[in-house]
Amino acid sequence: MTTTILELPPSLPESINPELGGHKFCPGCGHGMVLKTLGWAIDDLGIREKSVFGCDIGCSLLAWNLMNIDSVQNHHGRTTPVIYGVTRANPEAIGIAYMGDGGGLAIGAQHLVNAAVRGEKMLIVLVNNTNYGMTGGQMSPTTLPGQKTETTPYGRDCSVTGKPAKGAEMVAAIADPDKSYVARATVSNLRKLRSTFKKALKNVDEGGFSFVEVLSLCPLNWRTNAADTWARLTTMEEFFEVKEFISREGLEG
């Protein structure tokens, strides 16, 4: 008897680099899911040729050659101004700035605030996994109350550190509601995340500013197994409200 082995190639968006052979993120990391979903949304809208992708320092830098679109890797916290520099120089471009909670809410916070206030023509994707993953799991702006990290071994004490930053709420409070799209999504629902990205990208294509915070996973630094990782994500979804904060009429997901 002859056995035939059927080999099926992975299903990848055109906007993902087909020659890479897989992403460089840790096992269980949510970045790969976020980026693949972003790639599908770009494909859905047919905007790959005019999109420009920028990634920050931190775990997000491992996406430097993952996207099959024009890409640039930037200094820590400076992805936002680099990308809106691109869209100011080329107004037809769709700028995408990809970063973690540190790149957006710590060292890059001033750029996020000013981009939102000015309504820059760009999408900022902020991946929130409640820690600084690249450097070993230290406390970040979004670390949950009581969460243990390398720099909060007894749990985050909000009386000392202040409360966790809520990026989507902050941006929604300062962005122009007539030209902005602001949402928080989660890797627990990739279909909804795809729809969210499509709305955000369409808003940018029409000249607006978009911000999408994505609740993600970091089992390596959380030190969690599969079940505990999912439970942690559920806790994050209870603390960080998953919803659209600003959405203009006419955006279809």
C-alpha atoms as a PDB file:
ATOM      1  CA  MET A   1       0.000   0.000   0.000  1.00  0.00           C
ATOM      2  CA  THR A   2       1.239   3.435  -0.931  1.00  0.00           C
ATOM      3  CA  THR A   3       0.702   6.253   1.503  1.00  0.00           C
ATOM      4  CA  THR A   4       0.311   9.732   0.083  1.00  0.00           C
ATOM      5  CA  ILE A   5       1.122  12.646   2.321  1.00  0.00           C
ATOM      6  CA  LEU A   6      -0.821  15.742   1.426  1.00  0.00           C
ATOM      7  CA  GLU A   7       1.141  18.875   2.129  1.00  0.00           C
ATOM      8  CA  LEU A   8      -0.848  22.069   2.446  1.00  0.00           C
ATOM      9  CA  PRO A   9       0.950  25.409   2.540  1.00  0.00           C
ATOM     10  CA  PRO A  10      -0.041  27.767   5.353  1.00  0.00           C
ATOM     11  CA  SER A  11      -2.825  30.179   4.543  1.00  0.00           C
ATOM     12  CA  LEU A  12      -1.180  33.586   4.595  1.00  0.00           C
ATOM     13  CA  PRO A  13      -2.343  37.023   3.530  1.00  0.00           C
ATOM     14  CA  GLU A  14      -0.515  38.560   0.581  1.00  0.00           C
ATOM     15  CA  SER A  15       0.539  41.291   2.978  1.00  0.00           C
ATOM     16  CA  ILE A  16       2.649  38.790   4.972  1.00  0.00           C
ATOM     17  CA  ASN A  17       6.158  38.008   3.662  1.00  0.00           C
ATOM     18  CA  PRO A  18       5.874  34.526   2.102  1.00  0.00           C
ATOM     19  CA  GLU A  19       9.650  33.940   2.168  1.00  0.00           C
ATOM     20  CA  LEU A  20      10.096  34.404   5.901  1.00  0.00           C
ATOM     21  CA  GLY A  21       9.033  30.886   6.864  1.00  0.00           C
ATOM     22  CA  GLY A  22       7.332  31.943  10.094  1.00  0.00           C
ATOM     23  CA  HIS A  23       7.465  34.787  12.575  1.00  0.00           C
ATOM     24  CA  LYS A  24      10.184  35.259  15.194  1.00  0.00           C
ATOM     25  CA  PHE A  25       7.943  35.723  18.242  1.00  0.00           C
ATOM     26  CA  CYS A  26       7.969  33.425  21.261  1.00  0.00           C
ATOM     27  CA  PRO A  27       5.622  30.410  21.332  1.00  0.00           C
ATOM     28  CA  GLY A  28       2.174  31.520  22.437  1.00  0.00           C
ATOM     29  CA  CYS A  29       2.868  35.201  21.821  1.00  0.00           C
ATOM     30  CA  GLY A  30      -0.073  37.207  20.509  1.00  0.00           C
ATOM     31  CA  HIS A  31       1.942  39.395  18.132  1.00  0.00           C
ATOM     32  CA  GLY A  32       1.817  36.819  15.346  1.00  0.00           C
ATOM     33  CA  MET A  33      -1.975  36.655  15.550  1.00  0.00           C
ATOM     34  CA  VAL A  34      -2.304  40.437  15.562  1.00  0.00           C
ATOM     35  CA  LEU A  35      -0.035  40.896  12.551  1.00  0.00           C
ATOM     36  CA  LYS A  36      -1.590  38.106  10.500  1.00  0.00           C
ATOM     37  CA  THR A  37      -5.038  39.566  11.171  1.00  0.00           C
ATOM     38  CA  LEU A  38      -3.751  43.003  10.181  1.00  0.00           C
ATOM     39  CA  GLY A  39      -2.446  41.458   6.972  1.00  0.00           C
ATOM     40  CA  TRP A  40      -5.853  39.986   6.151  1.00  0.00           C
ATOM     41  CA  ALA A  41      -7.489  43.381   6.729  1.00  0.00           C
ATOM     42  CA  ILE A  42      -4.997  45.075   4.384  1.00  0.00           C
ATOM     43  CA  ASP A  43      -5.714  42.432   1.747  1.00  0.00           C
ATOM     44  CA  ASP A  44      -9.472  42.778   2.196  1.00  0.00           C
ATOM     45  CA  LEU A  45      -9.264  46.481   1.371  1.00  0.00           C
ATOM     46  CA  GLY A  46      -6.771  46.087  -1.478  1.00  0.00           C
ATOM     47  CA  ILE A  47      -4.401  48.703  -0.052  1.00  0.00           C
ATOM     48  CA  ARG A  48      -1.136  46.746   0.172  1.00  0.00           C
ATOM     49  CA  GLU A  49       0.660  48.722  -2.533  1.00  0.00           C
ATOM     50  CA  LYS A  50       0.089  52.069  -0.827  1.00  0.00           C
ATOM     51  CA  SER A  51       0.577  50.984   2.779  1.00  0.00           C
ATOM     52  CA  VAL A  52       3.727  51.729   4.798  1.00  0.00           C
ATOM     53  CA  PHE A  53       4.419  49.736   7.968  1.00  0.00           C
ATOM     54  CA  GLY A  54       6.634  50.934  10.797  1.00  0.00           C
ATOM     55  CA  CYS A  55       7.558  48.914  13.890  1.00  0.00           C
ATOM     56  CA  ASP A  56       9.028  50.004  17.211  1.00  0.00           C
ATOM     57  CA  ILE A  57      11.760  48.663  19.469  1.00  0.00           C
ATOM     58  CA  GLY A  58      10.656  45.925  21.872  1.00  0.00           C
ATOM     59  CA  CYS A  59       8.907  42.725  20.833  1.00  0.00           C
ATOM     60  CA  SER A  60       7.310  44.611  17.947  1.00  0.00           C
ATOM     61  CA  LEU A  61      10.697  44.990  16.240  1.00  0.00           C
ATOM     62  CA  LEU A  62      10.556  41.279  15.346  1.00  0.00           C
ATOM     63  CA  ALA A  63       8.002  42.295  12.712  1.00  0.00           C
ATOM     64  CA  TRP A  64      10.614  44.295  10.786  1.00  0.00           C
ATOM     65  CA  ASN A  65      10.533  41.907   7.804  1.00  0.00           C
ATOM     66  CA  LEU A  66       7.255  40.096   8.472  1.00  0.00           C
ATOM     67  CA  MET A  67       4.996  42.313   6.394  1.00  0.00           C
ATOM     68  CA  ASN A  68       5.045  42.110   2.597  1.00  0.00           C
ATOM     69  CA  ILE A  69       4.671  45.883   2.313  1.00  0.00           C
ATOM     70  CA  ASP A  70       7.090  48.819   2.493  1.00  0.00           C
ATOM     71  CA  SER A  71       8.444  48.703   6.044  1.00  0.00           C
ATOM     72  CA  VAL A  72      10.745  50.652   8.363  1.00  0.00           C
ATOM     73  CA  GLN A  73      12.047  49.784  11.844  1.00  0.00           C
ATOM     74  CA  ASN A  74      12.460  52.765  14.149  1.00  0.00           C
ATOM     75  CA  HIS A  75      14.042  53.979  17.375  1.00  0.00           C
ATOM     76  CA  HIS A  76      12.111  53.229  20.548  1.00  0.00           C
ATOM     77  CA  GLY A  77       9.009  55.393  20.862  1.00  0.00           C
ATOM     78  CA  ARG A  78       9.630  57.157  17.538  1.00  0.00           C
ATOM     79  CA  THR A  79       7.550  55.008  15.204  1.00  0.00           C
ATOM     80  CA  THR A  80       4.587  57.376  15.346  1.00  0.00           C
ATOM     81  CA  PRO A  81       6.441  60.508  14.094  1.00  0.00           C
ATOM     82  CA  VAL A  82       8.310  58.515  11.455  1.00  0.00           C
ATOM     83  CA  ILE A  83       5.056  57.193  10.014  1.00  0.00           C
ATOM     84  CA  TYR A  84       3.210  60.488  10.035  1.00  0.00           C
ATOM     85  CA  GLY A  85       6.307  61.973   8.406  1.00  0.00           C
ATOM     86  CA  VAL A  86       5.800  59.445   5.612  1.00  0.00           C
ATOM     87  CA  THR A  87       2.120  60.294   5.174  1.00  0.00           C
ATOM     88  CA  ARG A  88       2.816  64.039   5.238  1.00  0.00           C
ATOM     89  CA  ALA A  89       5.432  63.586   2.517  1.00  0.00           C
ATOM     90  CA  ASN A  90       3.141  61.246   0.560  1.00  0.00           C
ATOM     91  CA  PRO A  91      -0.513  61.986   1.361  1.00  0.00           C
ATOM     92  CA  GLU A  92      -1.638  58.972  -0.687  1.00  0.00           C
ATOM     93  CA  ALA A  93       0.195  56.559   1.626  1.00  0.00           C
ATOM     94  CA  ILE A  94      -1.582  54.659   4.390  1.00  0.00           C
ATOM     95  CA  GLY A  95       0.723  54.780   7.390  1.00  0.00           C
ATOM     96  CA  ILE A  96       0.665  52.012  10.002  1.00  0.00           C
ATOM     97  CA  ALA A  97       2.664  52.425  13.233  1.00  0.00           C
ATOM     98  CA  TYR A  98       3.002  49.181  15.202  1.00  0.00           C
ATOM     99  CA  MET A  99       4.199  49.195  18.818  1.00  0.00           C
ATOM    100  CA  GLY A 100       3.827  47.835  22.322  1.00  0.00           C
ATOM    101  CA  ASP A 101       2.514  49.573  25.414  1.00  0.00           C
ATOM    102  CA  GLY A 102       5.962  51.002  26.149  1.00  0.00           C
ATOM    103  CA  GLY A 103       6.432  52.435  22.665  1.00  0.00           C
ATOM    104  CA  GLY A 104       2.999  54.025  22.784  1.00  0.00           C
ATOM    105  CA  LEU A 105       2.271  54.835  26.424  1.00  0.00           C
ATOM    106  CA  ALA A 106       5.723  55.386  27.944  1.00  0.00           C
ATOM    107  CA  ILE A 107       8.657  56.609  25.855  1.00  0.00           C
ATOM    108  CA  GLY A 108       6.407  57.329  22.866  1.00  0.00           C
ATOM    109  CA  ALA A 109       3.437  58.807  24.737  1.00  0.00           C
ATOM    110  CA  GLN A 110       4.102  62.401  23.680  1.00  0.00           C
ATOM    111  CA  HIS A 111       4.031  61.406  20.005  1.00  0.00           C
ATOM    112  CA  LEU A 112       0.806  59.441  20.437  1.00  0.00           C
ATOM    113  CA  VAL A 113      -0.878  62.394  22.150  1.00  0.00           C
ATOM    114  CA  ASN A 114       0.157  64.899  19.487  1.00  0.00           C
ATOM    115  CA  ALA A 115      -0.712  62.596  16.584  1.00  0.00           C
ATOM    116  CA  ALA A 116      -4.177  62.093  18.056  1.00  0.00           C
ATOM    117  CA  VAL A 117      -4.746  65.801  18.718  1.00  0.00           C
ATOM    118  CA  ARG A 118      -3.613  66.756  15.212  1.00  0.00           C
ATOM    119  CA  GLY A 119      -5.511  63.919  13.565  1.00  0.00           C
ATOM    120  CA  GLU A 120      -2.529  62.609  11.617  1.00  0.00           C
ATOM    121  CA  LYS A 121      -3.378  60.352   8.646  1.00  0.00           C
ATOM    122  CA  MET A 122      -2.223  57.070  10.148  1.00  0.00           C
ATOM    123  CA  LEU A 123      -3.180  53.949  12.083  1.00  0.00           C
ATOM    124  CA  ILE A 124      -1.461  53.312  15.396  1.00  0.00           C
ATOM    125  CA  VAL A 125      -1.658  49.689  16.547  1.00  0.00           C
ATOM    126  CA  LEU A 126      -0.729  49.336  20.211  1.00  0.00           C
ATOM    127  CA  VAL A 127      -0.312  45.755  21.451  1.00  0.00           C
ATOM    128  CA  ASN A 128      -0.993  45.525  25.184  1.00  0.00           C
ATOM    129  CA  ASN A 129       0.370  42.466  26.982  1.00  0.00           C
ATOM    130  CA  THR A 130       0.780  44.221  30.366  1.00  0.00           C
ATOM    131  CA  ASN A 131       4.562  43.926  30.554  1.00  0.00           C
ATOM    132  CA  TYR A 132       7.847  44.775  28.838  1.00  0.00           C
ATOM    133  CA  GLY A 133       8.269  41.447  27.084  1.00  0.00           C
ATOM    134  CA  MET A 134      11.514  41.956  25.151  1.00  0.00           C
ATOM    135  CA  THR A 135      13.581  42.831  28.224  1.00  0.00           C
ATOM    136  CA  GLY A 136      12.341  40.057  30.483  1.00  0.00           C
ATOM    137  CA  GLY A 137       8.914  41.013  31.786  1.00  0.00           C
ATOM    138  CA  GLN A 138       9.236  44.253  33.751  1.00  0.00           C
ATOM    139  CA  MET A 139       6.279  46.418  34.783  1.00  0.00           C
ATOM    140  CA  SER A 140       4.845  48.495  31.943  1.00  0.00           C
ATOM    141  CA  PRO A 141       2.271  51.305  31.895  1.00  0.00           C
ATOM    142  CA  THR A 142      -0.508  48.716  31.487  1.00  0.00           C
ATOM    143  CA  THR A 143       0.585  46.183  34.126  1.00  0.00           C
ATOM    144  CA  LEU A 144      -2.520  45.181  36.081  1.00  0.00           C
ATOM    145  CA  PRO A 145      -3.010  45.988  39.787  1.00  0.00           C
ATOM    146  CA  GLY A 146      -1.371  43.247  41.840  1.00  0.00           C
ATOM    147  CA  GLN A 147       0.361  41.712  38.789  1.00  0.00           C
ATOM    148  CA  LYS A 148       3.784  40.262  39.528  1.00  0.00           C
ATOM    149  CA  THR A 149       6.608  41.229  37.155  1.00  0.00           C
ATOM    150  CA  GLU A 150      10.402  41.321  37.348  1.00  0.00           C
ATOM    151  CA  THR A 151      10.194  44.825  38.849  1.00  0.00           C
ATOM    152  CA  THR A 152       7.058  44.237  40.935  1.00  0.00           C
ATOM    153  CA  PRO A 153       7.820  40.830  42.485  1.00  0.00           C
ATOM    154  CA  TYR A 154       5.129  41.322  45.152  1.00  0.00           C
ATOM    155  CA  GLY A 155       2.579  42.635  42.674  1.00  0.00           C
ATOM    156  CA  ARG A 156       1.914  46.106  41.285  1.00  0.00           C
ATOM    157  CA  ASP A 157       1.050  48.508  44.120  1.00  0.00           C
ATOM    158  CA  CYS A 158      -1.013  51.289  42.540  1.00  0.00           C
ATOM    159  CA  SER A 159      -0.508  53.499  45.599  1.00  0.00           C
ATOM    160  CA  VAL A 160       3.162  53.628  44.581  1.00  0.00           C
ATOM    161  CA  THR A 161       3.093  53.294  40.781  1.00  0.00           C
ATOM    162  CA  GLY A 162      -0.246  54.859  39.928  1.00  0.00           C
ATOM    163  CA  LYS A 163      -3.003  53.045  38.072  1.00  0.00           C
ATOM    164  CA  PRO A 164      -2.536  51.212  34.749  1.00  0.00           C
ATOM    165  CA  ALA A 165      -2.724  53.416  31.658  1.00  0.00           C
ATOM    166  CA  LYS A 166      -5.798  52.978  29.479  1.00  0.00           C
ATOM    167  CA  GLY A 167      -4.618  54.006  26.040  1.00  0.00           C
ATOM    168  CA  ALA A 168      -7.864  53.816  24.102  1.00  0.00           C
ATOM    169  CA  GLU A 169      -9.737  55.931  26.658  1.00  0.00           C
ATOM    170  CA  MET A 170      -6.958  58.520  26.674  1.00  0.00           C
ATOM    171  CA  VAL A 171      -6.866  58.794  22.885  1.00  0.00           C
ATOM    172  CA  ALA A 172     -10.664  58.932  22.637  1.00  0.00           C
ATOM    173  CA  ALA A 173     -10.686  61.891  25.044  1.00  0.00           C
ATOM    174  CA  ILE A 174      -8.389  64.015  22.847  1.00  0.00           C
ATOM    175  CA  ALA A 175      -8.996  62.819  19.262  1.00  0.00           C
ATOM    176  CA  ASP A 176     -11.285  64.656  16.845  1.00  0.00           C
ATOM    177  CA  PRO A 177     -14.505  62.585  16.748  1.00  0.00           C
ATOM    178  CA  ASP A 178     -15.249  63.806  13.223  1.00  0.00           C
ATOM    179  CA  LYS A 179     -12.130  62.247  11.699  1.00  0.00           C
ATOM    180  CA  SER A 180     -10.988  59.562  14.129  1.00  0.00           C
ATOM    181  CA  TYR A 181     -11.519  55.879  14.798  1.00  0.00           C
ATOM    182  CA  VAL A 182     -10.553  54.604  18.261  1.00  0.00           C
ATOM    183  CA  ALA A 183     -11.108  51.058  19.511  1.00  0.00           C
ATOM    184  CA  ARG A 184      -9.836  48.353  21.817  1.00  0.00           C
ATOM    185  CA  ALA A 185      -9.905  44.755  20.557  1.00  0.00           C
ATOM    186  CA  THR A 186      -8.519  41.399  21.711  1.00  0.00           C
ATOM    187  CA  VAL A 187      -6.815  38.351  20.274  1.00  0.00           C
ATOM    188  CA  SER A 188      -9.565  36.218  21.803  1.00  0.00           C
ATOM    189  CA  ASN A 189     -11.795  37.263  18.876  1.00  0.00           C
ATOM    190  CA  LEU A 190      -9.761  37.471  15.662  1.00  0.00           C
ATOM    191  CA  ARG A 191     -12.824  37.830  13.455  1.00  0.00           C
ATOM    192  CA  LYS A 192     -13.815  40.962  15.346  1.00  0.00           C
ATOM    193  CA  LEU A 193     -10.203  42.162  15.320  1.00  0.00           C
ATOM    194  CA  ARG A 194     -10.135  41.836  11.521  1.00  0.00           C
ATOM    195  CA  SER A 195     -13.305  43.906  11.262  1.00  0.00           C
ATOM    196  CA  THR A 196     -11.830  46.505  13.618  1.00  0.00           C
ATOM    197  CA  PHE A 197      -8.646  46.786  11.576  1.00  0.00           C
ATOM    198  CA  LYS A 198     -10.660  47.195   8.366  1.00  0.00           C
ATOM    199  CA  LYS A 199     -12.627  50.086   9.847  1.00  0.00           C
ATOM    200  CA  ALA A 200      -9.442  51.675  11.156  1.00  0.00           C
ATOM    201  CA  LEU A 201      -7.640  51.348   7.812  1.00  0.00           C
ATOM    202  CA  LYS A 202     -10.606  52.628   5.834  1.00  0.00           C
ATOM    203  CA  ASN A 203     -10.724  55.671   8.096  1.00  0.00           C
ATOM    204  CA  VAL A 204      -7.046  56.340   7.372  1.00  0.00           C
ATOM    205  CA  ASP A 205      -7.580  55.822   3.642  1.00  0.00           C
ATOM    206  CA  GLU A 206     -10.223  58.545   3.845  1.00  0.00           C
ATOM    207  CA  GLY A 207      -7.801  60.946   5.552  1.00  0.00           C
ATOM    208  CA  GLY A 208      -8.494  60.227   9.222  1.00  0.00           C
ATOM    209  CA  PHE A 209      -6.594  59.155  12.327  1.00  0.00           C
ATOM    210  CA  SER A 210      -7.057  55.664  13.799  1.00  0.00           C
ATOM    211  CA  PHE A 211      -5.914  54.036  17.017  1.00  0.00           C
ATOM    212  CA  VAL A 212      -6.454  50.368  17.856  1.00  0.00           C
ATOM    213  CA  GLU A 213      -5.274  48.884  21.151  1.00  0.00           C
ATOM    214  CA  VAL A 214      -5.126  45.084  21.076  1.00  0.00           C
ATOM    215  CA  LEU A 215      -5.126  42.974  24.243  1.00  0.00           C
ATOM    216  CA  SER A 216      -2.549  40.262  23.669  1.00  0.00           C
ATOM    217  CA  LEU A 217      -0.673  37.332  25.213  1.00  0.00           C
ATOM    218  CA  CYS A 218       2.762  36.875  26.779  1.00  0.00           C
ATOM    219  CA  PRO A 219       2.826  33.417  28.399  1.00  0.00           C
ATOM    220  CA  LEU A 220       6.629  33.326  28.588  1.00  0.00           C
ATOM    221  CA  ASN A 221       6.876  36.319  30.925  1.00  0.00           C
ATOM    222  CA  TRP A 222       3.520  35.711  32.569  1.00  0.00           C
ATOM    223  CA  ARG A 223       4.808  32.200  33.369  1.00  0.00           C
ATOM    224  CA  THR A 224       1.430  30.716  32.489  1.00  0.00           C
ATOM    225  CA  ASN A 225       0.309  27.497  30.838  1.00  0.00           C
ATOM    226  CA  ALA A 226      -2.380  27.489  28.140  1.00  0.00           C
ATOM    227  CA  ALA A 227      -5.324  27.537  30.543  1.00  0.00           C
ATOM    228  CA  ASP A 228      -3.819  30.221  32.790  1.00  0.00           C
ATOM    229  CA  THR A 229      -2.847  32.323  29.771  1.00  0.00           C
ATOM    230  CA  TRP A 230      -6.440  32.384  28.567  1.00  0.00           C
ATOM    231  CA  ALA A 231      -7.637  33.183  32.097  1.00  0.00           C
ATOM    232  CA  ARG A 232      -5.203  36.110  32.265  1.00  0.00           C
ATOM    233  CA  LEU A 233      -6.528  37.447  28.961  1.00  0.00           C
ATOM    234  CA  THR A 234     -10.075  37.214  30.316  1.00  0.00           C
ATOM    235  CA  THR A 235      -8.981  39.245  33.346  1.00  0.00           C
ATOM    236  CA  MET A 236      -7.468  41.855  31.036  1.00  0.00           C
ATOM    237  CA  GLU A 237     -10.718  42.065  29.065  1.00  0.00           C
ATOM    238  CA  GLU A 238     -12.579  42.744  32.306  1.00  0.00           C
ATOM    239  CA  PHE A 239     -10.171  45.532  33.277  1.00  0.00           C
ATOM    240  CA  PHE A 240      -9.665  47.066  29.807  1.00  0.00           C
ATOM    241  CA  GLU A 241     -13.065  47.517  28.172  1.00  0.00           C
ATOM    242  CA  VAL A 242     -13.206  46.000  24.680  1.00  0.00           C
ATOM    243  CA  LYS A 243     -15.259  48.252  22.423  1.00  0.00           C
ATOM    244  CA  GLU A 244     -15.253  51.033  19.825  1.00  0.00           C
ATOM    245  CA  PHE A 245     -14.763  54.389  21.525  1.00  0.00           C
ATOM    246  CA  ILE A 246     -15.029  56.589  18.418  1.00  0.00           C
ATOM    247  CA  SER A 247     -16.371  55.473  15.044  1.00  0.00           C
ATOM    248  CA  ARG A 248     -17.454  57.682  12.154  1.00  0.00           C
ATOM    249  CA  GLU A 249     -20.459  56.870  10.020  1.00  0.00           C
ATOM    250  CA  GLY A 250     -19.748  54.989   6.819  1.00  0.00           C
ATOM    251  CA  LEU A 251     -16.917  52.779   8.074  1.00  0.00           C
ATOM    252  CA  GLU A 252     -17.611  49.163   7.248  1.00  0.00           C
ATOM    253  CA  GLY A 253     -15.798  46.262   8.845  1.00  0.00           C
END
